[in-house]
């Protein structure tokens, strides 16, 4: 993931989070990313940067963290992790300042405008692999249960599966074409 300061961040299954120096090709692992028990976090799956220069970090089993790009420090926010499953697969930051957190238990939509990080949950009990917002503001969610659609305006949800013509119910990535 490339942040707004052109830093290139890498997630790993056994080495946690790395920062790649594009000039030299060297990767520096971020050992300061530690869980509540003081252990280095090994599994980092995704990143998303918000308008306040917070690089949100999806971990597999340790919850949601962010790295403050201005202060150069890692933060675990208890309020942001309220009702969020600790097994996070993907993140998506929308232009209306919401962070979508895809986990082993659906999607949490966290409103970053509120100081208490109020959130809502979508598609509980679904393993979420990807989240995408199309040009019309519709949120598309790739899950182990099919392709899910959420219209933020109406609140309507729809799920598409093999019974609707998909070749599989497992959707790993979503991309919009012209």
N, C-alpha and C. Protein backbone atom coordinates (compact mmCIF):
# COMPACT_ATOMS: atom_id res chain seq x y z
N UNK A 1 0.85 -1.17 0.00
CA UNK A 1 0.00 0.00 0.00
C UNK A 1 0.90 1.23 0.00
N UNK A 2 0.63 2.17 -0.91
CA UNK A 2 1.40 3.41 -0.93
C UNK A 2 0.58 4.52 -0.28
N UNK A 3 1.14 5.14 0.77
CA UNK A 3 0.43 6.20 1.48
C UNK A 3 0.63 7.55 0.79
N UNK A 4 0.04 8.60 1.37
CA UNK A 4 0.09 9.94 0.77
C UNK A 4 1.50 10.55 0.79
N UNK A 5 2.39 9.98 1.58
CA UNK A 5 3.78 10.46 1.64
C UNK A 5 4.71 9.59 0.80
N UNK A 6 4.13 8.77 -0.06
CA UNK A 6 4.83 7.86 -0.96
C UNK A 6 5.63 6.76 -0.25
N UNK A 7 5.27 6.48 1.00
CA UNK A 7 5.84 5.31 1.68
C UNK A 7 5.14 4.07 1.16
N UNK A 8 5.87 3.00 0.96
CA UNK A 8 5.30 1.75 0.50
C UNK A 8 5.30 0.76 1.65
N UNK A 9 4.09 0.35 2.07
CA UNK A 9 3.91 -0.54 3.21
C UNK A 9 3.54 -1.93 2.72
N UNK A 10 4.12 -2.94 3.37
CA UNK A 10 3.88 -4.33 3.00
C UNK A 10 3.30 -5.08 4.20
N UNK A 11 2.31 -5.90 3.93
CA UNK A 11 1.77 -6.78 4.97
C UNK A 11 2.32 -8.17 4.76
N UNK A 12 2.49 -8.92 5.84
CA UNK A 12 3.10 -10.24 5.79
C UNK A 12 2.34 -11.20 6.70
N UNK A 13 2.45 -12.48 6.41
CA UNK A 13 1.83 -13.49 7.26
C UNK A 13 2.69 -13.84 8.46
N UNK A 14 4.02 -13.73 8.35
CA UNK A 14 4.89 -14.09 9.48
C UNK A 14 5.82 -12.97 9.95
N UNK A 15 5.99 -11.92 9.15
CA UNK A 15 6.90 -10.84 9.53
C UNK A 15 6.20 -9.53 9.86
N UNK A 16 4.90 -9.54 9.97
CA UNK A 16 4.17 -8.33 10.34
C UNK A 16 4.11 -7.32 9.23
N UNK A 17 4.56 -6.12 9.55
CA UNK A 17 4.42 -4.98 8.65
C UNK A 17 5.80 -4.45 8.29
N UNK A 18 5.99 -4.22 7.01
CA UNK A 18 7.27 -3.70 6.55
C UNK A 18 7.10 -2.40 5.78
N UNK A 19 8.16 -1.60 5.80
CA UNK A 19 8.20 -0.35 5.03
C UNK A 19 9.33 -0.50 4.01
N UNK A 20 8.97 -0.39 2.75
CA UNK A 20 9.94 -0.57 1.68
C UNK A 20 10.48 0.76 1.22
N UNK A 21 11.80 0.88 1.22
CA UNK A 21 12.46 2.07 0.68
C UNK A 21 12.56 1.85 -0.82
N UNK A 22 11.76 2.59 -1.58
CA UNK A 22 11.72 2.39 -3.04
C UNK A 22 13.05 2.74 -3.71
N UNK A 23 13.80 3.61 -3.08
CA UNK A 23 15.08 4.02 -3.66
C UNK A 23 16.13 2.92 -3.54
N UNK A 24 16.22 2.28 -2.34
CA UNK A 24 17.26 1.28 -2.12
C UNK A 24 16.76 -0.16 -2.28
N UNK A 25 15.43 -0.34 -2.17
CA UNK A 25 14.87 -1.69 -2.23
C UNK A 25 14.92 -2.42 -0.89
N UNK A 26 15.40 -1.75 0.17
CA UNK A 26 15.46 -2.36 1.50
C UNK A 26 14.10 -2.28 2.20
N UNK A 27 13.77 -3.34 2.92
CA UNK A 27 12.54 -3.39 3.67
C UNK A 27 12.87 -3.39 5.17
N UNK A 28 12.24 -2.47 5.90
CA UNK A 28 12.42 -2.38 7.35
C UNK A 28 11.13 -2.83 8.01
N UNK A 29 11.22 -3.87 8.82
CA UNK A 29 10.03 -4.36 9.51
C UNK A 29 9.76 -3.52 10.74
N UNK A 30 8.48 -3.28 11.00
CA UNK A 30 8.04 -2.39 12.06
C UNK A 30 7.77 -3.19 13.33
N UNK A 31 8.78 -3.38 14.15
CA UNK A 31 8.66 -4.18 15.37
C UNK A 31 7.91 -3.45 16.48
N UNK A 32 7.59 -2.17 16.27
CA UNK A 32 6.84 -1.40 17.26
C UNK A 32 5.36 -1.73 17.22
N UNK A 33 4.90 -2.46 16.22
CA UNK A 33 3.50 -2.87 16.13
C UNK A 33 3.32 -4.10 17.01
N UNK A 34 2.77 -3.87 18.21
CA UNK A 34 2.64 -4.95 19.19
C UNK A 34 1.20 -5.05 19.68
N UNK A 35 0.82 -6.27 20.05
CA UNK A 35 -0.54 -6.51 20.52
C UNK A 35 -0.68 -6.16 22.00
N UNK A 36 -1.86 -6.41 22.56
CA UNK A 36 -2.14 -6.06 23.96
C UNK A 36 -1.26 -6.82 24.95
N UNK A 37 -0.72 -7.97 24.53
CA UNK A 37 0.13 -8.78 25.40
C UNK A 37 1.61 -8.46 25.26
N UNK A 38 1.94 -7.46 24.45
CA UNK A 38 3.33 -7.07 24.25
C UNK A 38 4.06 -7.87 23.20
N UNK A 39 3.35 -8.68 22.42
CA UNK A 39 3.98 -9.49 21.37
C UNK A 39 3.96 -8.74 20.04
N UNK A 40 5.03 -8.93 19.26
CA UNK A 40 5.06 -8.36 17.91
C UNK A 40 3.96 -9.00 17.08
N UNK A 41 3.29 -8.20 16.31
CA UNK A 41 2.22 -8.70 15.45
C UNK A 41 2.82 -9.26 14.18
N UNK A 42 2.51 -10.52 13.90
CA UNK A 42 3.08 -11.21 12.73
C UNK A 42 2.21 -11.09 11.48
N UNK A 43 0.90 -11.04 11.64
CA UNK A 43 0.00 -11.13 10.49
C UNK A 43 -0.69 -9.79 10.21
N UNK A 44 -0.25 -9.14 9.14
CA UNK A 44 -0.83 -7.88 8.69
C UNK A 44 -1.37 -8.11 7.29
N UNK A 45 -2.68 -7.83 7.10
CA UNK A 45 -3.34 -8.18 5.84
C UNK A 45 -3.67 -7.01 4.93
N UNK A 46 -3.90 -5.82 5.48
CA UNK A 46 -4.31 -4.73 4.60
C UNK A 46 -4.07 -3.38 5.27
N UNK A 47 -4.16 -2.32 4.43
CA UNK A 47 -3.95 -0.95 4.89
C UNK A 47 -4.96 -0.02 4.22
N UNK A 48 -5.25 1.10 4.87
CA UNK A 48 -6.05 2.17 4.28
C UNK A 48 -5.71 3.46 5.02
N UNK A 49 -5.50 4.53 4.28
CA UNK A 49 -5.17 5.82 4.90
C UNK A 49 -6.38 6.74 4.89
N UNK A 50 -6.62 7.43 6.02
CA UNK A 50 -7.74 8.37 6.07
C UNK A 50 -7.24 9.80 5.85
N UNK A 51 -8.16 10.76 5.87
CA UNK A 51 -7.82 12.16 5.58
C UNK A 51 -6.97 12.81 6.68
N UNK A 52 -6.92 12.19 7.87
CA UNK A 52 -6.13 12.71 8.98
C UNK A 52 -4.73 12.10 9.06
N UNK A 53 -4.31 11.47 7.96
CA UNK A 53 -2.97 10.86 7.85
C UNK A 53 -2.78 9.73 8.85
N UNK A 54 -3.86 8.97 9.09
CA UNK A 54 -3.77 7.75 9.88
C UNK A 54 -3.77 6.58 8.91
N UNK A 55 -2.74 5.77 8.98
CA UNK A 55 -2.65 4.57 8.16
C UNK A 55 -3.25 3.42 8.98
N UNK A 56 -4.46 3.01 8.63
CA UNK A 56 -5.16 1.95 9.34
C UNK A 56 -4.57 0.61 8.94
N UNK A 57 -4.43 -0.28 9.91
CA UNK A 57 -3.73 -1.55 9.71
C UNK A 57 -4.64 -2.70 10.13
N UNK A 58 -4.90 -3.60 9.20
CA UNK A 58 -5.71 -4.79 9.46
C UNK A 58 -4.80 -5.92 9.89
N UNK A 59 -5.03 -6.44 11.10
CA UNK A 59 -4.22 -7.57 11.57
C UNK A 59 -5.10 -8.81 11.68
N UNK A 60 -4.48 -9.93 11.57
CA UNK A 60 -5.18 -11.20 11.66
C UNK A 60 -5.04 -11.71 13.09
N UNK A 61 -6.04 -11.38 13.93
CA UNK A 61 -6.08 -11.85 15.30
C UNK A 61 -5.80 -10.81 16.37
N UNK A 62 -5.26 -9.66 15.99
CA UNK A 62 -4.92 -8.63 16.99
C UNK A 62 -5.76 -7.37 16.84
N UNK A 63 -6.68 -7.35 15.90
CA UNK A 63 -7.57 -6.21 15.75
C UNK A 63 -7.07 -5.14 14.80
N UNK A 64 -7.61 -3.95 15.00
CA UNK A 64 -7.38 -2.81 14.13
C UNK A 64 -6.45 -1.80 14.81
N UNK A 65 -5.41 -1.40 14.10
CA UNK A 65 -4.45 -0.41 14.58
C UNK A 65 -4.38 0.71 13.56
N UNK A 66 -3.74 1.80 13.94
CA UNK A 66 -3.35 2.78 12.94
C UNK A 66 -1.96 3.31 13.26
N UNK A 67 -1.31 3.77 12.21
CA UNK A 67 -0.01 4.40 12.33
C UNK A 67 -0.21 5.87 11.98
N UNK A 68 0.11 6.75 12.93
CA UNK A 68 -0.01 8.19 12.71
C UNK A 68 1.19 8.63 11.89
N UNK A 69 0.96 8.96 10.63
CA UNK A 69 2.05 9.33 9.73
C UNK A 69 2.72 10.64 10.14
N UNK A 70 2.02 11.49 10.87
CA UNK A 70 2.58 12.76 11.32
C UNK A 70 3.45 12.56 12.56
N UNK A 71 2.92 11.85 13.54
CA UNK A 71 3.64 11.63 14.80
C UNK A 71 4.58 10.43 14.76
N UNK A 72 4.46 9.62 13.71
CA UNK A 72 5.30 8.42 13.52
C UNK A 72 5.13 7.44 14.70
N UNK A 73 3.87 7.17 15.06
CA UNK A 73 3.63 6.22 16.15
C UNK A 73 2.43 5.33 15.85
N UNK A 74 2.48 4.11 16.40
CA UNK A 74 1.40 3.14 16.27
C UNK A 74 0.41 3.34 17.41
N UNK A 75 -0.88 3.15 17.09
CA UNK A 75 -1.95 3.32 18.08
C UNK A 75 -2.94 2.17 17.95
N UNK A 76 -3.29 1.60 19.09
CA UNK A 76 -4.40 0.66 19.16
C UNK A 76 -5.54 1.41 19.82
N UNK A 77 -6.64 1.56 19.11
CA UNK A 77 -7.78 2.32 19.63
C UNK A 77 -8.84 1.36 20.13
N UNK A 78 -9.05 1.35 21.46
CA UNK A 78 -10.10 0.50 22.03
C UNK A 78 -11.45 0.85 21.44
N UNK A 79 -11.72 2.14 21.26
CA UNK A 79 -13.03 2.55 20.73
C UNK A 79 -13.22 2.11 19.28
N UNK A 80 -12.17 2.18 18.46
CA UNK A 80 -12.29 1.75 17.07
C UNK A 80 -12.48 0.24 16.99
N UNK A 81 -11.98 -0.51 17.96
CA UNK A 81 -12.09 -1.96 17.95
C UNK A 81 -13.36 -2.49 18.62
N UNK A 82 -14.18 -1.58 19.17
CA UNK A 82 -15.43 -2.01 19.78
C UNK A 82 -16.32 -2.66 18.71
N UNK A 83 -16.77 -3.86 18.98
CA UNK A 83 -17.64 -4.62 18.08
C UNK A 83 -16.98 -5.02 16.76
N UNK A 84 -15.67 -4.85 16.64
CA UNK A 84 -14.95 -5.27 15.43
C UNK A 84 -14.23 -6.58 15.72
N UNK A 85 -14.46 -7.57 14.88
CA UNK A 85 -13.79 -8.86 15.03
C UNK A 85 -12.28 -8.66 14.87
N UNK A 86 -11.48 -9.30 15.70
CA UNK A 86 -10.02 -9.12 15.68
C UNK A 86 -9.35 -9.75 14.47
N UNK A 87 -10.08 -10.61 13.75
CA UNK A 87 -9.54 -11.28 12.56
C UNK A 87 -9.98 -10.50 11.33
N UNK A 88 -9.12 -9.54 10.93
CA UNK A 88 -9.46 -8.60 9.87
C UNK A 88 -8.74 -8.96 8.58
N UNK A 89 -9.51 -9.07 7.51
CA UNK A 89 -8.97 -9.46 6.20
C UNK A 89 -8.72 -8.27 5.28
N UNK A 90 -9.60 -7.25 5.35
CA UNK A 90 -9.47 -6.15 4.40
C UNK A 90 -10.02 -4.85 4.98
N UNK A 91 -9.56 -3.75 4.40
CA UNK A 91 -10.00 -2.41 4.78
C UNK A 91 -10.35 -1.61 3.54
N UNK A 92 -11.29 -0.69 3.69
CA UNK A 92 -11.60 0.24 2.61
C UNK A 92 -11.97 1.57 3.23
N UNK A 93 -11.33 2.65 2.78
CA UNK A 93 -11.64 4.00 3.25
C UNK A 93 -12.42 4.72 2.16
N UNK A 94 -13.61 5.20 2.50
CA UNK A 94 -14.45 5.87 1.52
C UNK A 94 -14.27 7.39 1.59
N UNK A 95 -14.71 8.06 0.53
CA UNK A 95 -14.53 9.51 0.48
C UNK A 95 -15.46 10.27 1.41
N UNK A 96 -16.39 9.58 2.08
CA UNK A 96 -17.23 10.24 3.09
C UNK A 96 -16.71 9.98 4.51
N UNK A 97 -15.42 9.68 4.61
CA UNK A 97 -14.69 9.51 5.87
C UNK A 97 -15.21 8.35 6.72
N UNK A 98 -15.47 7.25 6.04
CA UNK A 98 -15.86 6.03 6.73
C UNK A 98 -14.82 4.95 6.42
N UNK A 99 -14.54 4.16 7.45
CA UNK A 99 -13.61 3.04 7.30
C UNK A 99 -14.42 1.76 7.35
N UNK A 100 -14.33 0.98 6.29
CA UNK A 100 -15.00 -0.32 6.23
C UNK A 100 -13.98 -1.39 6.59
N UNK A 101 -14.33 -2.20 7.59
CA UNK A 101 -13.44 -3.22 8.11
C UNK A 101 -14.06 -4.58 7.82
N UNK A 102 -13.44 -5.34 6.93
CA UNK A 102 -13.92 -6.67 6.57
C UNK A 102 -13.21 -7.72 7.40
N UNK A 103 -13.99 -8.57 8.08
CA UNK A 103 -13.39 -9.55 8.99
C UNK A 103 -14.00 -10.93 8.80
N UNK A 104 -13.70 -11.80 9.74
CA UNK A 104 -14.28 -13.14 9.76
C UNK A 104 -15.74 -13.10 10.21
N UNK A 105 -16.23 -11.92 10.58
CA UNK A 105 -17.61 -11.77 11.04
C UNK A 105 -18.26 -10.55 10.41
N UNK A 106 -18.23 -10.45 9.09
CA UNK A 106 -18.90 -9.38 8.39
C UNK A 106 -18.08 -8.12 8.24
N UNK A 107 -18.79 -7.03 7.96
CA UNK A 107 -18.17 -5.73 7.72
C UNK A 107 -18.65 -4.75 8.79
N UNK A 108 -17.71 -4.05 9.40
CA UNK A 108 -18.04 -2.94 10.29
C UNK A 108 -17.76 -1.67 9.52
N UNK A 109 -18.72 -0.76 9.54
CA UNK A 109 -18.56 0.55 8.92
C UNK A 109 -18.35 1.54 10.06
N UNK A 110 -17.15 2.09 10.16
CA UNK A 110 -16.80 3.00 11.24
C UNK A 110 -16.80 4.43 10.72
N UNK A 111 -17.62 5.27 11.34
CA UNK A 111 -17.67 6.68 10.98
C UNK A 111 -16.53 7.40 11.70
N UNK A 112 -15.52 7.82 10.95
CA UNK A 112 -14.34 8.43 11.55
C UNK A 112 -14.56 9.89 11.95
N UNK A 113 -15.72 10.46 11.61
CA UNK A 113 -16.04 11.83 12.01
C UNK A 113 -16.38 11.92 13.49
N UNK A 114 -16.91 10.84 14.06
CA UNK A 114 -17.32 10.86 15.45
C UNK A 114 -16.18 10.43 16.35
N UNK A 115 -16.01 11.10 17.43
CA UNK A 115 -14.91 10.82 18.35
C UNK A 115 -15.04 9.44 18.99
N UNK A 116 -16.27 8.92 19.09
CA UNK A 116 -16.45 7.62 19.72
C UNK A 116 -16.46 6.47 18.71
N UNK A 117 -16.18 6.76 17.45
CA UNK A 117 -16.08 5.74 16.41
C UNK A 117 -17.32 4.84 16.35
N UNK A 118 -18.50 5.46 16.40
CA UNK A 118 -19.73 4.67 16.28
C UNK A 118 -19.66 3.88 14.98
N UNK A 119 -20.09 2.62 15.05
CA UNK A 119 -20.04 1.81 13.84
C UNK A 119 -21.29 0.99 13.67
N UNK A 120 -21.48 0.50 12.46
CA UNK A 120 -22.58 -0.39 12.16
C UNK A 120 -22.03 -1.64 11.50
N UNK A 121 -22.75 -2.74 11.62
CA UNK A 121 -22.28 -4.01 11.08
C UNK A 121 -23.15 -4.45 9.91
N UNK A 122 -22.48 -4.96 8.87
CA UNK A 122 -23.15 -5.48 7.67
C UNK A 122 -22.73 -6.93 7.45
N UNK A 123 -23.63 -7.74 6.98
CA UNK A 123 -23.38 -9.13 6.61
C UNK A 123 -22.63 -9.92 7.69
N UNK A 124 -23.19 -9.94 8.92
CA UNK A 124 -22.54 -10.72 9.99
C UNK A 124 -22.46 -12.20 9.61
N UNK A 125 -21.50 -12.88 10.17
CA UNK A 125 -21.24 -14.31 9.92
C UNK A 125 -20.68 -14.59 8.54
N UNK A 126 -20.33 -13.56 7.78
CA UNK A 126 -19.70 -13.74 6.48
C UNK A 126 -18.19 -13.48 6.63
N UNK A 127 -17.37 -14.31 6.02
CA UNK A 127 -15.93 -14.07 5.93
C UNK A 127 -15.73 -13.11 4.76
N UNK A 128 -15.20 -11.91 5.04
CA UNK A 128 -15.08 -10.85 4.04
C UNK A 128 -13.65 -10.83 3.47
N UNK A 129 -13.57 -10.87 2.13
CA UNK A 129 -12.26 -10.86 1.46
C UNK A 129 -11.93 -9.51 0.83
N UNK A 130 -12.95 -8.76 0.39
CA UNK A 130 -12.68 -7.50 -0.31
C UNK A 130 -13.88 -6.56 -0.19
N UNK A 131 -13.58 -5.26 -0.28
CA UNK A 131 -14.61 -4.22 -0.22
C UNK A 131 -14.28 -3.19 -1.30
N UNK A 132 -15.31 -2.75 -2.00
CA UNK A 132 -15.12 -1.79 -3.08
C UNK A 132 -16.32 -0.85 -3.15
N UNK A 133 -16.09 0.42 -3.43
CA UNK A 133 -17.17 1.38 -3.65
C UNK A 133 -17.17 1.79 -5.11
N UNK A 134 -18.31 1.61 -5.78
CA UNK A 134 -18.37 1.96 -7.20
C UNK A 134 -18.62 3.46 -7.39
N UNK A 135 -18.63 3.89 -8.64
CA UNK A 135 -18.74 5.32 -8.94
C UNK A 135 -20.08 5.91 -8.51
N UNK A 136 -21.09 5.07 -8.25
CA UNK A 136 -22.39 5.53 -7.79
C UNK A 136 -22.52 5.49 -6.26
N UNK A 137 -21.44 5.14 -5.55
CA UNK A 137 -21.46 5.10 -4.10
C UNK A 137 -22.01 3.80 -3.51
N UNK A 138 -22.20 2.79 -4.34
CA UNK A 138 -22.65 1.49 -3.86
C UNK A 138 -21.45 0.73 -3.32
N UNK A 139 -21.59 0.12 -2.15
CA UNK A 139 -20.52 -0.68 -1.56
C UNK A 139 -20.72 -2.13 -1.98
N UNK A 140 -19.69 -2.72 -2.56
CA UNK A 140 -19.67 -4.12 -2.99
C UNK A 140 -18.71 -4.87 -2.08
N UNK A 141 -19.14 -6.04 -1.65
CA UNK A 141 -18.38 -6.81 -0.68
C UNK A 141 -18.18 -8.22 -1.20
N UNK A 142 -16.91 -8.62 -1.30
CA UNK A 142 -16.58 -9.99 -1.70
C UNK A 142 -16.46 -10.85 -0.45
N UNK A 143 -17.22 -11.92 -0.41
CA UNK A 143 -17.23 -12.76 0.79
C UNK A 143 -17.14 -14.24 0.44
N UNK A 144 -17.12 -15.06 1.47
CA UNK A 144 -17.14 -16.51 1.27
C UNK A 144 -18.55 -17.01 1.01
N UNK A 145 -19.53 -16.09 1.10
CA UNK A 145 -20.94 -16.43 0.90
C UNK A 145 -21.50 -15.81 -0.37
N UNK A 146 -20.65 -15.22 -1.21
CA UNK A 146 -21.10 -14.59 -2.45
C UNK A 146 -20.71 -13.13 -2.52
N UNK A 147 -21.25 -12.46 -3.53
CA UNK A 147 -21.03 -11.03 -3.74
C UNK A 147 -22.16 -10.28 -3.08
N UNK A 148 -21.83 -9.37 -2.17
CA UNK A 148 -22.83 -8.63 -1.41
C UNK A 148 -22.82 -7.17 -1.85
N UNK A 149 -24.00 -6.59 -1.85
CA UNK A 149 -24.18 -5.20 -2.28
C UNK A 149 -24.89 -4.44 -1.17
N UNK A 150 -24.40 -3.22 -0.88
CA UNK A 150 -25.06 -2.37 0.10
C UNK A 150 -25.22 -0.97 -0.47
N UNK A 151 -26.46 -0.52 -0.54
CA UNK A 151 -26.76 0.83 -0.99
C UNK A 151 -26.79 1.72 0.26
N UNK A 152 -25.79 2.58 0.40
CA UNK A 152 -25.68 3.43 1.58
C UNK A 152 -26.86 4.39 1.71
N UNK A 153 -27.43 4.80 0.59
CA UNK A 153 -28.53 5.75 0.61
C UNK A 153 -29.82 5.14 1.14
N UNK A 154 -30.16 3.95 0.63
CA UNK A 154 -31.42 3.32 1.02
C UNK A 154 -31.25 2.32 2.16
N UNK A 155 -30.02 1.87 2.39
CA UNK A 155 -29.77 0.84 3.40
C UNK A 155 -30.07 -0.56 2.92
N UNK A 156 -30.48 -0.68 1.67
CA UNK A 156 -30.84 -1.99 1.10
C UNK A 156 -29.60 -2.85 0.87
N UNK A 157 -29.70 -4.13 1.23
CA UNK A 157 -28.62 -5.08 0.98
C UNK A 157 -29.12 -6.18 0.05
N UNK A 158 -28.21 -6.69 -0.78
CA UNK A 158 -28.50 -7.77 -1.72
C UNK A 158 -27.31 -8.69 -1.75
N UNK A 159 -27.57 -9.98 -1.93
CA UNK A 159 -26.47 -10.95 -2.05
C UNK A 159 -26.65 -11.75 -3.33
N UNK A 160 -25.54 -11.90 -4.07
CA UNK A 160 -25.52 -12.68 -5.31
C UNK A 160 -24.66 -13.92 -5.09
N UNK A 161 -25.15 -15.07 -5.54
CA UNK A 161 -24.44 -16.34 -5.34
C UNK A 161 -24.42 -17.13 -6.65
N UNK A 162 -24.00 -18.37 -6.56
CA UNK A 162 -24.00 -19.24 -7.74
C UNK A 162 -25.41 -19.41 -8.30
N UNK A 163 -26.41 -19.29 -7.45
CA UNK A 163 -27.80 -19.40 -7.94
C UNK A 163 -28.19 -18.21 -8.83
N UNK A 164 -27.40 -17.13 -8.78
CA UNK A 164 -27.61 -15.97 -9.65
C UNK A 164 -26.68 -15.98 -10.86
N UNK A 165 -25.87 -17.04 -11.00
CA UNK A 165 -24.98 -17.16 -12.15
C UNK A 165 -23.51 -16.98 -11.86
N UNK A 166 -23.12 -16.69 -10.62
CA UNK A 166 -21.69 -16.58 -10.32
C UNK A 166 -21.03 -17.95 -10.42
N UNK A 167 -19.79 -18.03 -10.86
CA UNK A 167 -19.11 -19.32 -10.95
C UNK A 167 -18.72 -19.90 -9.59
N UNK A 168 -18.67 -19.05 -8.55
CA UNK A 168 -18.30 -19.47 -7.20
C UNK A 168 -18.93 -18.50 -6.20
N UNK A 169 -19.12 -18.97 -4.98
CA UNK A 169 -19.62 -18.09 -3.93
C UNK A 169 -18.49 -17.39 -3.18
N UNK A 170 -17.26 -17.71 -3.50
CA UNK A 170 -16.12 -17.05 -2.85
C UNK A 170 -15.59 -15.97 -3.78
N UNK A 171 -15.66 -14.72 -3.30
CA UNK A 171 -15.24 -13.55 -4.08
C UNK A 171 -14.06 -12.91 -3.37
N UNK A 172 -12.89 -12.94 -4.02
CA UNK A 172 -11.68 -12.42 -3.40
C UNK A 172 -11.37 -10.96 -3.74
N UNK A 173 -11.79 -10.50 -4.91
CA UNK A 173 -11.45 -9.13 -5.33
C UNK A 173 -12.56 -8.58 -6.19
N UNK A 174 -12.69 -7.25 -6.17
CA UNK A 174 -13.72 -6.57 -6.95
C UNK A 174 -13.05 -5.38 -7.62
N UNK A 175 -13.35 -5.19 -8.90
CA UNK A 175 -12.84 -4.07 -9.66
C UNK A 175 -13.93 -3.59 -10.61
N UNK A 176 -14.07 -2.30 -10.76
CA UNK A 176 -15.09 -1.73 -11.64
C UNK A 176 -14.47 -1.44 -13.01
N UNK A 177 -15.21 -1.80 -14.05
CA UNK A 177 -14.74 -1.49 -15.41
C UNK A 177 -15.53 -0.28 -15.94
N UNK A 178 -15.14 0.18 -17.12
CA UNK A 178 -15.84 1.31 -17.73
C UNK A 178 -17.25 0.91 -18.09
